[in-house]
């Protein structure tokens, strides 16, 4: 196969007979190869520069994290914390860097090692490849050791949101009980009768399943209270009672309620549900047997 130096046409034959494309002919014999050829340092330079830039990028991000977080520059664990921050910032860079380092870097290093007469700078290529691999390993290590803590922080944030919804609901129930002398019969009644100018109650009720709220009446306490209040009193006028009583019509006064919130799956009745106990939300799995069915009075569970 002959390639014409004038037009680049490939053909089979000698160039002395002329190119079949442009007609160019060789005017003499080809120059002999030089007795000594200098080895190329381009591939080793690529690996050395890639390793240096990788180390420089990681160190720069670590120093920036050190000063932005106002950490102690003389503390060992301060540098570890700054390195973890830098690793999380470079997590999307480390993935393509890992591919380039493992595939292209090893390929270049192997070609240099197999042809020492053609390529030079094996020592610098080895150092550059080692530097790139070390930085990628540090990024993966620093991210890996912080993943469990990040997951715990994420779970704590979700739990805090559930607690915020519950305390908003509990405050609204207490306000309802003070105003109407009873706990609400259902969630819709609570939403309609309690003012919610900022939408906090509506957001909390959106995360509470209607089936998880179960009001009940303590008939013994209600009957005893009525008998005490009516002792020695004649028949009251209907106009006076209607003017002074804000209790919602319905004839039944609820005094206690049970509350169970769905977990992250939004389905009530699973093991990840929340149960209100003594003003504190707990997982169903954390509540002892028999504690789930306790009732809540004025926002506080009663055994």
C-alpha atoms as a PDB file:
ATOM      1  CA  UNK A   1       0.000   0.000   0.000  1.00  0.00           C
ATOM      2  CA  UNK A   2       1.469   3.342  -1.106  1.00  0.00           C
ATOM      3  CA  UNK A   3       0.250   6.752   0.013  1.00  0.00           C
ATOM      4  CA  UNK A   4       0.818   9.695  -2.296  1.00  0.00           C
ATOM      5  CA  UNK A   5       2.537  12.547  -0.397  1.00  0.00           C
ATOM      6  CA  UNK A   6       0.852  15.108  -2.647  1.00  0.00           C
ATOM      7  CA  UNK A   7      -2.838  14.193  -2.531  1.00  0.00           C
ATOM      8  CA  UNK A   8      -2.926  11.403   0.071  1.00  0.00           C
ATOM      9  CA  UNK A   9      -4.405   8.850  -2.339  1.00  0.00           C
ATOM     10  CA  UNK A  10      -3.818   5.227  -1.374  1.00  0.00           C
ATOM     11  CA  UNK A  11      -2.980   2.719  -4.078  1.00  0.00           C
ATOM     12  CA  UNK A  12      -1.064  -0.499  -4.651  1.00  0.00           C
ATOM     13  CA  UNK A  13       2.170  -0.036  -6.528  1.00  0.00           C
ATOM     14  CA  UNK A  14       5.337   2.045  -6.583  1.00  0.00           C
ATOM     15  CA  UNK A  15       5.288   5.819  -6.521  1.00  0.00           C
ATOM     16  CA  UNK A  16       7.936   5.860  -9.267  1.00  0.00           C
ATOM     17  CA  UNK A  17       5.244   4.869 -11.753  1.00  0.00           C
ATOM     18  CA  UNK A  18       3.154   7.873 -10.753  1.00  0.00           C
ATOM     19  CA  UNK A  19       0.154   8.416  -8.557  1.00  0.00           C
ATOM     20  CA  UNK A  20      -3.086   7.119 -10.009  1.00  0.00           C
ATOM     21  CA  UNK A  21      -4.973  10.081  -8.619  1.00  0.00           C
ATOM     22  CA  UNK A  22      -2.826  13.140  -9.317  1.00  0.00           C
ATOM     23  CA  UNK A  23      -0.004  11.697 -11.426  1.00  0.00           C
ATOM     24  CA  UNK A  24       2.836  12.775  -9.122  1.00  0.00           C
ATOM     25  CA  UNK A  25       6.084  10.798  -9.461  1.00  0.00           C
ATOM     26  CA  UNK A  26       9.005  10.139  -7.153  1.00  0.00           C
ATOM     27  CA  UNK A  27      12.119  12.110  -8.117  1.00  0.00           C
ATOM     28  CA  UNK A  28      14.569   9.995  -6.123  1.00  0.00           C
ATOM     29  CA  UNK A  29      15.061   7.286  -3.569  1.00  0.00           C
ATOM     30  CA  UNK A  30      13.400   7.781  -0.144  1.00  0.00           C
ATOM     31  CA  UNK A  31      15.621   9.173   2.558  1.00  0.00           C
ATOM     32  CA  UNK A  32      17.121   6.554   4.863  1.00  0.00           C
ATOM     33  CA  UNK A  33      16.008   6.376   8.436  1.00  0.00           C
ATOM     34  CA  UNK A  34      18.265   8.162  10.933  1.00  0.00           C
ATOM     35  CA  UNK A  35      20.771   6.017  12.775  1.00  0.00           C
ATOM     36  CA  UNK A  36      19.648   7.383  16.145  1.00  0.00           C
ATOM     37  CA  UNK A  37      16.076   8.457  16.972  1.00  0.00           C
ATOM     38  CA  UNK A  38      15.311  10.380  20.158  1.00  0.00           C
ATOM     39  CA  UNK A  39      12.603   8.761  22.290  1.00  0.00           C
ATOM     40  CA  UNK A  40       9.345  10.605  22.732  1.00  0.00           C
ATOM     41  CA  UNK A  41       8.396  12.062  26.110  1.00  0.00           C
ATOM     42  CA  UNK A  42       4.857  13.131  25.152  1.00  0.00           C
ATOM     43  CA  UNK A  43       3.000  10.244  26.812  1.00  0.00           C
ATOM     44  CA  UNK A  44       4.913  10.482  30.069  1.00  0.00           C
ATOM     45  CA  UNK A  45       4.333  14.237  30.035  1.00  0.00           C
ATOM     46  CA  UNK A  46       0.577  13.674  29.691  1.00  0.00           C
ATOM     47  CA  UNK A  47       0.540  11.401  32.738  1.00  0.00           C
ATOM     48  CA  UNK A  48       2.758  13.728  34.788  1.00  0.00           C
ATOM     49  CA  UNK A  49       0.636  16.799  33.986  1.00  0.00           C
ATOM     50  CA  UNK A  50      -2.631  14.922  34.656  1.00  0.00           C
ATOM     51  CA  UNK A  51      -1.363  13.759  38.050  1.00  0.00           C
ATOM     52  CA  UNK A  52      -0.105  17.236  38.998  1.00  0.00           C
ATOM     53  CA  UNK A  53      -3.373  18.924  38.006  1.00  0.00           C
ATOM     54  CA  UNK A  54      -5.398  16.345  39.931  1.00  0.00           C
ATOM     55  CA  UNK A  55      -3.383  16.876  43.115  1.00  0.00           C
ATOM     56  CA  UNK A  56      -3.466  20.657  42.683  1.00  0.00           C
ATOM     57  CA  UNK A  57      -7.249  20.655  42.201  1.00  0.00           C
ATOM     58  CA  UNK A  58      -7.853  18.564  45.297  1.00  0.00           C
ATOM     59  CA  UNK A  59      -5.496  20.632  47.456  1.00  0.00           C
ATOM     60  CA  UNK A  60      -7.084  23.884  46.240  1.00  0.00           C
ATOM     61  CA  UNK A  61     -10.580  22.693  47.105  1.00  0.00           C
ATOM     62  CA  UNK A  62      -9.347  21.493  50.521  1.00  0.00           C
ATOM     63  CA  UNK A  63      -7.766  24.860  51.336  1.00  0.00           C
ATOM     64  CA  UNK A  64     -10.909  26.698  50.191  1.00  0.00           C
ATOM     65  CA  UNK A  65     -13.049  24.479  52.415  1.00  0.00           C
ATOM     66  CA  UNK A  66     -10.656  25.089  55.315  1.00  0.00           C
ATOM     67  CA  UNK A  67     -11.078  28.872  55.132  1.00  0.00           C
ATOM     68  CA  UNK A  68     -14.780  28.951  54.254  1.00  0.00           C
ATOM     69  CA  UNK A  69     -15.648  26.733  57.225  1.00  0.00           C
ATOM     70  CA  UNK A  70     -13.198  28.654  59.469  1.00  0.00           C
ATOM     71  CA  UNK A  71     -11.437  25.520  60.676  1.00  0.00           C
ATOM     72  CA  UNK A  72      -8.203  25.357  62.630  1.00  0.00           C
ATOM     73  CA  UNK A  73      -5.370  25.067  60.065  1.00  0.00           C
ATOM     74  CA  UNK A  74      -3.108  23.446  62.667  1.00  0.00           C
ATOM     75  CA  UNK A  75      -5.515  20.633  63.551  1.00  0.00           C
ATOM     76  CA  UNK A  76      -5.289  17.241  61.907  1.00  0.00           C
ATOM     77  CA  UNK A  77      -9.018  16.562  62.038  1.00  0.00           C
ATOM     78  CA  UNK A  78      -9.683  19.998  60.608  1.00  0.00           C
ATOM     79  CA  UNK A  79      -7.840  18.981  57.456  1.00  0.00           C
ATOM     80  CA  UNK A  80      -9.768  15.715  57.387  1.00  0.00           C
ATOM     81  CA  UNK A  81     -13.055  17.612  57.593  1.00  0.00           C
ATOM     82  CA  UNK A  82     -11.910  20.012  54.870  1.00  0.00           C
ATOM     83  CA  UNK A  83     -10.858  17.070  52.717  1.00  0.00           C
ATOM     84  CA  UNK A  84     -14.289  15.496  53.143  1.00  0.00           C
ATOM     85  CA  UNK A  85     -15.933  18.726  52.021  1.00  0.00           C
ATOM     86  CA  UNK A  86     -13.608  18.924  49.019  1.00  0.00           C
ATOM     87  CA  UNK A  87     -14.318  15.296  48.156  1.00  0.00           C
ATOM     88  CA  UNK A  88     -18.079  15.904  48.136  1.00  0.00           C
ATOM     89  CA  UNK A  89     -17.584  18.955  45.939  1.00  0.00           C
ATOM     90  CA  UNK A  90     -15.488  16.932  43.487  1.00  0.00           C
ATOM     91  CA  UNK A  91     -17.676  13.843  43.492  1.00  0.00           C
ATOM     92  CA  UNK A  92     -18.921  14.434  39.965  1.00  0.00           C
ATOM     93  CA  UNK A  93     -15.368  15.162  38.769  1.00  0.00           C
ATOM     94  CA  UNK A  94     -13.967  12.028  40.377  1.00  0.00           C
ATOM     95  CA  UNK A  95     -16.164   9.681  38.329  1.00  0.00           C
ATOM     96  CA  UNK A  96     -14.820  10.661  34.874  1.00  0.00           C
ATOM     97  CA  UNK A  97     -11.382  11.130  36.417  1.00  0.00           C
ATOM     98  CA  UNK A  98     -11.478   7.547  37.627  1.00  0.00           C
ATOM     99  CA  UNK A  99     -12.346   6.282  34.160  1.00  0.00           C
ATOM    100  CA  UNK A 100      -9.589   8.326  32.518  1.00  0.00           C
ATOM    101  CA  UNK A 101      -7.021   7.323  35.125  1.00  0.00           C
ATOM    102  CA  UNK A 102      -7.740   3.604  35.030  1.00  0.00           C
ATOM    103  CA  UNK A 103      -8.262   3.206  31.297  1.00  0.00           C
ATOM    104  CA  UNK A 104      -6.193   5.830  29.488  1.00  0.00           C
ATOM    105  CA  UNK A 105      -3.493   6.215  32.137  1.00  0.00           C
ATOM    106  CA  UNK A 106      -2.736   2.519  32.418  1.00  0.00           C
ATOM    107  CA  UNK A 107      -2.790   2.195  28.662  1.00  0.00           C
ATOM    108  CA  UNK A 108      -0.255   4.985  28.205  1.00  0.00           C
ATOM    109  CA  UNK A 109       1.923   3.716  31.025  1.00  0.00           C
ATOM    110  CA  UNK A 110       1.941   0.200  29.580  1.00  0.00           C
ATOM    111  CA  UNK A 111       2.936   1.485  26.135  1.00  0.00           C
ATOM    112  CA  UNK A 112       5.822   3.439  27.656  1.00  0.00           C
ATOM    113  CA  UNK A 113       6.977   0.427  29.655  1.00  0.00           C
ATOM    114  CA  UNK A 114       6.841  -1.935  26.671  1.00  0.00           C
ATOM    115  CA  UNK A 115       8.781   0.421  24.361  1.00  0.00           C
ATOM    116  CA  UNK A 116      11.534   2.049  26.446  1.00  0.00           C
ATOM    117  CA  UNK A 117      13.559   2.838  23.326  1.00  0.00           C
ATOM    118  CA  UNK A 118      10.688   4.738  21.735  1.00  0.00           C
ATOM    119  CA  UNK A 119       9.265   6.459  24.812  1.00  0.00           C
ATOM    120  CA  UNK A 120      11.121   7.970  27.733  1.00  0.00           C
ATOM    121  CA  UNK A 121      10.151   9.366  31.139  1.00  0.00           C
ATOM    122  CA  UNK A 122       8.868   6.128  32.656  1.00  0.00           C
ATOM    123  CA  UNK A 123       9.629   7.319  36.178  1.00  0.00           C
ATOM    124  CA  UNK A 124       7.626  10.550  35.746  1.00  0.00           C
ATOM    125  CA  UNK A 125       4.786   8.680  34.091  1.00  0.00           C
ATOM    126  CA  UNK A 126       4.668   6.295  37.054  1.00  0.00           C
ATOM    127  CA  UNK A 127       4.545   9.193  39.509  1.00  0.00           C
ATOM    128  CA  UNK A 128       1.814  10.962  37.567  1.00  0.00           C
ATOM    129  CA  UNK A 129      -0.302   7.823  37.369  1.00  0.00           C
ATOM    130  CA  UNK A 130       0.228   7.176  41.082  1.00  0.00           C
ATOM    131  CA  UNK A 131      -0.752  10.770  41.970  1.00  0.00           C
ATOM    132  CA  UNK A 132      -3.965  10.586  39.950  1.00  0.00           C
ATOM    133  CA  UNK A 133      -4.869   7.208  41.409  1.00  0.00           C
ATOM    134  CA  UNK A 134      -4.102   8.403  44.943  1.00  0.00           C
ATOM    135  CA  UNK A 135      -6.377  11.438  44.627  1.00  0.00           C
ATOM    136  CA  UNK A 136      -9.208   9.336  43.224  1.00  0.00           C
ATOM    137  CA  UNK A 137      -8.736   6.840  46.065  1.00  0.00           C
ATOM    138  CA  UNK A 138      -8.790   9.646  48.672  1.00  0.00           C
ATOM    139  CA  UNK A 139     -11.968  11.106  47.205  1.00  0.00           C
ATOM    140  CA  UNK A 140     -13.677   7.715  47.243  1.00  0.00           C
ATOM    141  CA  UNK A 141     -12.442   7.015  50.794  1.00  0.00           C
ATOM    142  CA  UNK A 142     -13.485  10.388  52.239  1.00  0.00           C
ATOM    143  CA  UNK A 143     -16.907  10.142  50.624  1.00  0.00           C
ATOM    144  CA  UNK A 144     -17.346   6.538  51.732  1.00  0.00           C
ATOM    145  CA  UNK A 145     -16.625   7.185  55.419  1.00  0.00           C
ATOM    146  CA  UNK A 146     -19.132  10.062  55.505  1.00  0.00           C
ATOM    147  CA  UNK A 147     -21.982   8.278  53.718  1.00  0.00           C
ATOM    148  CA  UNK A 148     -23.391   6.621  56.903  1.00  0.00           C
ATOM    149  CA  UNK A 149     -23.404   9.962  58.759  1.00  0.00           C
ATOM    150  CA  UNK A 150     -25.015  11.695  55.787  1.00  0.00           C
ATOM    151  CA  UNK A 151     -27.734   9.045  55.753  1.00  0.00           C
ATOM    152  CA  UNK A 152     -28.290   9.498  59.501  1.00  0.00           C
ATOM    153  CA  UNK A 153     -28.544  13.274  59.059  1.00  0.00           C
ATOM    154  CA  UNK A 154     -31.040  12.815  56.250  1.00  0.00           C
ATOM    155  CA  UNK A 155     -33.112  10.486  58.409  1.00  0.00           C
ATOM    156  CA  UNK A 156     -32.976  12.925  61.327  1.00  0.00           C
ATOM    157  CA  UNK A 157     -34.202  15.683  59.026  1.00  0.00           C
ATOM    158  CA  UNK A 158     -37.167  13.541  57.975  1.00  0.00           C
ATOM    159  CA  UNK A 159     -37.923  12.695  61.619  1.00  0.00           C
ATOM    160  CA  UNK A 160     -37.727  16.374  62.565  1.00  0.00           C
ATOM    161  CA  UNK A 161     -40.272  17.168  59.858  1.00  0.00           C
ATOM    162  CA  UNK A 162     -42.660  14.553  61.297  1.00  0.00           C
ATOM    163  CA  UNK A 163     -42.208  16.010  64.780  1.00  0.00           C
ATOM    164  CA  UNK A 164     -42.912  19.511  63.460  1.00  0.00           C
ATOM    165  CA  UNK A 165     -46.148  18.325  61.835  1.00  0.00           C
ATOM    166  CA  UNK A 166     -47.212  16.598  65.056  1.00  0.00           C
ATOM    167  CA  UNK A 167     -46.507  19.585  67.308  1.00  0.00           C
ATOM    168  CA  UNK A 168     -48.421  21.853  64.926  1.00  0.00           C
ATOM    169  CA  UNK A 169     -51.347  19.447  65.099  1.00  0.00           C
ATOM    170  CA  UNK A 170     -51.075  19.190  68.891  1.00  0.00           C
ATOM    171  CA  UNK A 171     -51.117  22.980  69.269  1.00  0.00           C
ATOM    172  CA  UNK A 172     -54.228  23.214  67.098  1.00  0.00           C
ATOM    173  CA  UNK A 173     -55.982  20.498  69.141  1.00  0.00           C
ATOM    174  CA  UNK A 174     -55.210  22.312  72.387  1.00  0.00           C
ATOM    175  CA  UNK A 175     -56.517  25.559  70.929  1.00  0.00           C
ATOM    176  CA  UNK A 176     -59.642  23.761  69.754  1.00  0.00           C
ATOM    177  CA  UNK A 177     -60.169  22.160  73.177  1.00  0.00           C
ATOM    178  CA  UNK A 178     -59.809  25.496  74.989  1.00  0.00           C
ATOM    179  CA  UNK A 179     -62.272  27.148  72.663  1.00  0.00           C
ATOM    180  CA  UNK A 180     -64.915  24.425  72.314  1.00  0.00           C
ATOM    181  CA  UNK A 181     -64.385  22.344  75.500  1.00  0.00           C
ATOM    182  CA  UNK A 182     -63.854  19.198  73.403  1.00  0.00           C
ATOM    183  CA  UNK A 183     -61.355  17.673  71.051  1.00  0.00           C
ATOM    184  CA  UNK A 184     -62.309  17.764  67.352  1.00  0.00           C
ATOM    185  CA  UNK A 185     -64.435  14.983  66.010  1.00  0.00           C
ATOM    186  CA  UNK A 186     -62.401  14.697  62.819  1.00  0.00           C
ATOM    187  CA  UNK A 187     -59.551  16.433  61.027  1.00  0.00           C
ATOM    188  CA  UNK A 188     -61.882  18.375  58.771  1.00  0.00           C
ATOM    189  CA  UNK A 189     -63.603  19.889  61.795  1.00  0.00           C
ATOM    190  CA  UNK A 190     -60.220  20.981  63.147  1.00  0.00           C
ATOM    191  CA  UNK A 191     -59.203  22.585  59.864  1.00  0.00           C
ATOM    192  CA  UNK A 192     -62.466  24.493  59.494  1.00  0.00           C
ATOM    193  CA  UNK A 193     -62.669  25.879  63.049  1.00  0.00           C
ATOM    194  CA  UNK A 194     -59.037  26.777  63.837  1.00  0.00           C
ATOM    195  CA  UNK A 195     -57.569  29.810  62.002  1.00  0.00           C
ATOM    196  CA  UNK A 196     -54.534  28.973  59.883  1.00  0.00           C
ATOM    197  CA  UNK A 197     -53.177  32.226  58.375  1.00  0.00           C
ATOM    198  CA  UNK A 198     -49.791  30.790  57.368  1.00  0.00           C
ATOM    199  CA  UNK A 199     -50.937  27.363  56.188  1.00  0.00           C
ATOM    200  CA  UNK A 200     -48.943  25.448  58.814  1.00  0.00           C
ATOM    201  CA  UNK A 201     -51.937  23.460  60.031  1.00  0.00           C
ATOM    202  CA  UNK A 202     -52.992  22.580  56.485  1.00  0.00           C
ATOM    203  CA  UNK A 203     -49.493  21.312  55.747  1.00  0.00           C
ATOM    204  CA  UNK A 204     -49.456  19.234  58.947  1.00  0.00           C
ATOM    205  CA  UNK A 205     -52.895  17.746  58.244  1.00  0.00           C
ATOM    206  CA  UNK A 206     -51.729  16.804  54.769  1.00  0.00           C
ATOM    207  CA  UNK A 207     -49.223  14.391  56.368  1.00  0.00           C
ATOM    208  CA  UNK A 208     -51.741  12.924  58.853  1.00  0.00           C
ATOM    209  CA  UNK A 209     -53.963  10.125  57.621  1.00  0.00           C
ATOM    210  CA  UNK A 210     -57.622  10.624  58.604  1.00  0.00           C
ATOM    211  CA  UNK A 211     -57.845   7.016  59.797  1.00  0.00           C
ATOM    212  CA  UNK A 212     -54.951   7.610  62.193  1.00  0.00           C
ATOM    213  CA  UNK A 213     -56.938  10.121  64.256  1.00  0.00           C
ATOM    214  CA  UNK A 214     -59.502   8.428  66.512  1.00  0.00           C
ATOM    215  CA  UNK A 215     -61.351  10.630  69.046  1.00  0.00           C
ATOM    216  CA  UNK A 216     -63.233   9.058  71.930  1.00  0.00           C
ATOM    217  CA  UNK A 217     -65.312  10.140  74.904  1.00  0.00           C
ATOM    218  CA  UNK A 218     -64.728   9.326  78.566  1.00  0.00           C
ATOM    219  CA  UNK A 219     -68.384   8.696  79.461  1.00  0.00           C
ATOM    220  CA  UNK A 220     -67.679   8.238  83.180  1.00  0.00           C
ATOM    221  CA  UNK A 221     -65.948  11.600  83.439  1.00  0.00           C
ATOM    222  CA  UNK A 222     -68.580  13.338  81.344  1.00  0.00           C
ATOM    223  CA  UNK A 223     -71.514  11.896  83.319  1.00  0.00           C
ATOM    224  CA  UNK A 224     -69.852  12.703  86.636  1.00  0.00           C
ATOM    225  CA  UNK A 225     -69.194  16.240  85.507  1.00  0.00           C
ATOM    226  CA  UNK A 226     -72.786  16.693  84.387  1.00  0.00           C
ATOM    227  CA  UNK A 227     -74.222  15.246  87.584  1.00  0.00           C
ATOM    228  CA  UNK A 228     -72.085  17.601  89.682  1.00  0.00           C
ATOM    229  CA  UNK A 229     -72.956  20.644  87.657  1.00  0.00           C
ATOM    230  CA  UNK A 230     -76.702  19.870  87.637  1.00  0.00           C
ATOM    231  CA  UNK A 231     -76.964  19.082  91.347  1.00  0.00           C
ATOM    232  CA  UNK A 232     -79.543  21.414  92.986  1.00  0.00           C
ATOM    233  CA  UNK A 233     -80.107  23.374  89.795  1.00  0.00           C
ATOM    234  CA  UNK A 234     -83.436  23.811  88.094  1.00  0.00           C
ATOM    235  CA  UNK A 235     -84.140  23.596  84.409  1.00  0.00           C
ATOM    236  CA  UNK A 236     -81.995  26.064  82.482  1.00  0.00           C
ATOM    237  CA  UNK A 237     -83.336  28.208  79.716  1.00  0.00           C
ATOM    238  CA  UNK A 238     -82.358  27.144  76.218  1.00  0.00           C
ATOM    239  CA  UNK A 239     -81.643  30.726  75.173  1.00  0.00           C
ATOM    240  CA  UNK A 240     -79.038  31.220  77.912  1.00  0.00           C
ATOM    241  CA  UNK A 241     -77.236  27.944  77.180  1.00  0.00           C
ATOM    242  CA  UNK A 242     -77.100  28.587  73.468  1.00  0.00           C
ATOM    243  CA  UNK A 243     -75.691  32.059  74.029  1.00  0.00           C
ATOM    244  CA  UNK A 244     -72.865  30.976  76.350  1.00  0.00           C
ATOM    245  CA  UNK A 245     -71.911  27.513  75.004  1.00  0.00           C
ATOM    246  CA  UNK A 246     -69.538  27.328  72.016  1.00  0.00           C
ATOM    247  CA  UNK A 247     -69.480  23.518  71.925  1.00  0.00           C
ATOM    248  CA  UNK A 248     -70.119  22.227  68.383  1.00  0.00           C
ATOM    249  CA  UNK A 249     -73.539  20.760  67.906  1.00  0.00           C
ATOM    250  CA  UNK A 250     -73.724  16.990  67.797  1.00  0.00           C
ATOM    251  CA  UNK A 251     -74.534  15.965  71.341  1.00  0.00           C
ATOM    252  CA  UNK A 252     -71.243  14.140  72.032  1.00  0.00           C
ATOM    253  CA  UNK A 253     -68.237  15.714  73.712  1.00  0.00           C
ATOM    254  CA  UNK A 254     -64.902  14.036  72.922  1.00  0.00           C
ATOM    255  CA  UNK A 255     -62.343  14.091  75.692  1.00  0.00           C
ATOM    256  CA  UNK A 256     -59.527  11.893  74.372  1.00  0.00           C
ATOM    257  CA  UNK A 257     -58.017  10.860  71.049  1.00  0.00           C
ATOM    258  CA  UNK A 258     -55.543   8.400  69.627  1.00  0.00           C
ATOM    259  CA  UNK A 259     -53.073   9.493  66.955  1.00  0.00           C
ATOM    260  CA  UNK A 260     -51.021   7.375  64.597  1.00  0.00           C
ATOM    261  CA  UNK A 261     -49.138   8.896  61.672  1.00  0.00           C
ATOM    262  CA  UNK A 262     -48.019   7.061  58.535  1.00  0.00           C
ATOM    263  CA  UNK A 263     -44.320   6.652  57.861  1.00  0.00           C
ATOM    264  CA  UNK A 264     -42.321   7.554  54.787  1.00  0.00           C
ATOM    265  CA  UNK A 265     -44.350   5.245  52.563  1.00  0.00           C
ATOM    266  CA  UNK A 266     -47.530   7.190  53.374  1.00  0.00           C
ATOM    267  CA  UNK A 267     -49.410   3.975  54.201  1.00  0.00           C
ATOM    268  CA  UNK A 268     -50.966   3.625  57.627  1.00  0.00           C
ATOM    269  CA  UNK A 269     -50.523   0.371  59.519  1.00  0.00           C
ATOM    270  CA  UNK A 270     -46.907  -0.492  58.676  1.00  0.00           C
ATOM    271  CA  UNK A 271     -43.888  -0.841  60.927  1.00  0.00           C
ATOM    272  CA  UNK A 272     -42.575   2.613  60.005  1.00  0.00           C
ATOM    273  CA  UNK A 273     -45.631   4.404  61.432  1.00  0.00           C
ATOM    274  CA  UNK A 274     -45.379   7.023  64.175  1.00  0.00           C
ATOM    275  CA  UNK A 275     -47.345   6.940  67.433  1.00  0.00           C
ATOM    276  CA  UNK A 276     -47.832   9.893  69.792  1.00  0.00           C
ATOM    277  CA  UNK A 277     -46.785   9.053  73.325  1.00  0.00           C
ATOM    278  CA  UNK A 278     -46.546  11.623  76.146  1.00  0.00           C
ATOM    279  CA  UNK A 279     -46.310  14.445  73.667  1.00  0.00           C
ATOM    280  CA  UNK A 280     -43.452  12.727  71.794  1.00  0.00           C
ATOM    281  CA  UNK A 281     -43.560  10.860  68.513  1.00  0.00           C
ATOM    282  CA  UNK A 282     -42.119   7.372  68.503  1.00  0.00           C
ATOM    283  CA  UNK A 283     -41.858   4.627  65.959  1.00  0.00           C
ATOM    284  CA  UNK A 284     -44.314   1.783  66.293  1.00  0.00           C
ATOM    285  CA  UNK A 285     -41.363  -0.579  66.606  1.00  0.00           C
ATOM    286  CA  UNK A 286     -39.972   1.490  69.513  1.00  0.00           C
ATOM    287  CA  UNK A 287     -43.225   1.512  71.477  1.00  0.00           C
ATOM    288  CA  UNK A 288     -43.667  -1.392  73.849  1.00  0.00           C
ATOM    289  CA  UNK A 289     -46.531  -3.810  73.335  1.00  0.00           C
ATOM    290  CA  UNK A 290     -49.730  -2.260  74.599  1.00  0.00           C
ATOM    291  CA  UNK A 291     -48.402   1.290  74.325  1.00  0.00           C
ATOM    292  CA  UNK A 292     -49.802   1.875  70.865  1.00  0.00           C
ATOM    293  CA  UNK A 293     -53.389   1.849  72.035  1.00  0.00           C
ATOM    294  CA  UNK A 294     -53.001   4.521  74.686  1.00  0.00           C
ATOM    295  CA  UNK A 295     -55.248   7.513  74.341  1.00  0.00           C
ATOM    296  CA  UNK A 296     -54.315  11.159  74.275  1.00  0.00           C
ATOM    297  CA  UNK A 297     -56.070  13.756  76.376  1.00  0.00           C
ATOM    298  CA  UNK A 298     -55.374  17.428  75.719  1.00  0.00           C
ATOM    299  CA  UNK A 299     -52.392  16.417  73.626  1.00  0.00           C
ATOM    300  CA  UNK A 300     -50.874  14.179  76.350  1.00  0.00           C
ATOM    301  CA  UNK A 301     -51.189  10.420  76.290  1.00  0.00           C
ATOM    302  CA  UNK A 302     -52.983   8.877  79.215  1.00  0.00           C
ATOM    303  CA  UNK A 303     -52.317   5.195  80.102  1.00  0.00           C
END
